[in-house]
C-alpha atoms as a PDB file:
ATOM      1  CA  UNK A   1       3.445   0.649  10.508  1.00  0.00           C
ATOM      2  CA  UNK A   2       3.631   3.262   7.786  1.00  0.00           C
ATOM      3  CA  UNK A   3       1.870   6.577   8.415  1.00  0.00           C
ATOM      4  CA  UNK A   4      -0.476   6.090   5.439  1.00  0.00           C
ATOM      5  CA  UNK A   5      -1.309   2.404   6.064  1.00  0.00           C
ATOM      6  CA  UNK A   6      -4.784   2.943   7.543  1.00  0.00           C
ATOM      7  CA  UNK A   7      -5.623   5.564   4.917  1.00  0.00           C
ATOM      8  CA  UNK A   8      -4.717   3.288   1.984  1.00  0.00           C
ATOM      9  CA  UNK A   9      -6.454   0.329   3.622  1.00  0.00           C
ATOM     10  CA  UNK A  10      -9.656   2.344   3.944  1.00  0.00           C
ATOM     11  CA  UNK A  11      -9.382   3.600   0.362  1.00  0.00           C
ATOM     12  CA  UNK A  12      -8.843   0.043  -0.934  1.00  0.00           C
ATOM     13  CA  UNK A  13     -11.762  -1.381   1.034  1.00  0.00           C
ATOM     14  CA  UNK A  14     -14.037   1.297  -0.417  1.00  0.00           C
ATOM     15  CA  UNK A  15     -12.864   0.416  -3.926  1.00  0.00           C
ATOM     16  CA  UNK A  16     -11.363   3.849  -4.486  1.00  0.00           C
ATOM     17  CA  UNK A  17      -7.856   2.533  -5.224  1.00  0.00           C
ATOM     18  CA  UNK A  18      -6.658  -0.681  -6.875  1.00  0.00           C
ATOM     19  CA  UNK A  19      -3.854  -3.148  -6.231  1.00  0.00           C
ATOM     20  CA  UNK A  20      -1.926  -1.401  -9.032  1.00  0.00           C
ATOM     21  CA  UNK A  21      -2.092   1.830  -7.036  1.00  0.00           C
ATOM     22  CA  UNK A  22      -0.965   0.052  -3.866  1.00  0.00           C
ATOM     23  CA  UNK A  23       1.996  -1.425  -5.754  1.00  0.00           C
ATOM     24  CA  UNK A  24       3.073   2.091  -6.727  1.00  0.00           C
ATOM     25  CA  UNK A  25       3.031   3.097  -3.061  1.00  0.00           C
ATOM     26  CA  UNK A  26       5.310   0.120  -2.268  1.00  0.00           C
ATOM     27  CA  UNK A  27       7.763   1.329  -4.943  1.00  0.00           C
ATOM     28  CA  UNK A  28       7.671   4.856  -3.518  1.00  0.00           C
ATOM     29  CA  UNK A  29       8.265   3.754   0.091  1.00  0.00           C
ATOM     30  CA  UNK A  30      12.106   3.585  -0.073  1.00  0.00           C
ATOM     31  CA  UNK A  31      12.273   7.099  -1.497  1.00  0.00           C
ATOM     32  CA  UNK A  32       9.494   8.744   0.538  1.00  0.00           C
ATOM     33  CA  UNK A  33       8.695   6.603   3.603  1.00  0.00           C
ATOM     34  CA  UNK A  34       6.017   8.998   4.844  1.00  0.00           C
ATOM     35  CA  UNK A  35       3.893   8.329   1.737  1.00  0.00           C
ATOM     36  CA  UNK A  36       4.633   4.690   0.911  1.00  0.00           C
ATOM     37  CA  UNK A  37       3.813   1.296   2.388  1.00  0.00           C
ATOM     38  CA  UNK A  38       5.936  -1.824   2.788  1.00  0.00           C
ATOM     39  CA  UNK A  39       5.454  -5.089   0.899  1.00  0.00           C
ATOM     40  CA  UNK A  40       4.147  -6.660   4.122  1.00  0.00           C
ATOM     41  CA  UNK A  41       1.593  -3.873   4.518  1.00  0.00           C
ATOM     42  CA  UNK A  42       0.587  -4.390   0.888  1.00  0.00           C
ATOM     43  CA  UNK A  43      -0.134  -8.031   1.740  1.00  0.00           C
ATOM     44  CA  UNK A  44      -2.211  -7.004   4.753  1.00  0.00           C
ATOM     45  CA  UNK A  45      -4.296  -4.623   2.642  1.00  0.00           C
ATOM     46  CA  UNK A  46      -4.624  -6.532  -0.646  1.00  0.00           C
ATOM     47  CA  UNK A  47      -4.576 -10.070   0.736  1.00  0.00           C
ATOM     48  CA  UNK A  48      -1.910 -11.189  -1.717  1.00  0.00           C
ATOM     49  CA  UNK A  49       1.887 -11.193  -1.858  1.00  0.00           C
ATOM     50  CA  UNK A  50       3.553  -8.171  -3.419  1.00  0.00           C
ATOM     51  CA  UNK A  51       5.187  -8.889  -6.782  1.00  0.00           C
ATOM     52  CA  UNK A  52       7.045  -6.086  -8.526  1.00  0.00           C
END
């Protein structure tokens, strides 16, 4: 699990970030793993498959 997974999940559930924001974190993950999330984690948070 990515270090920021729980943080982004909490932010999303509170409505403070959107799926568009989460998608940016998926794009960032290969470059900066400590800040990004995986496509699978995106699905767990957003409840939908990640599509670039």
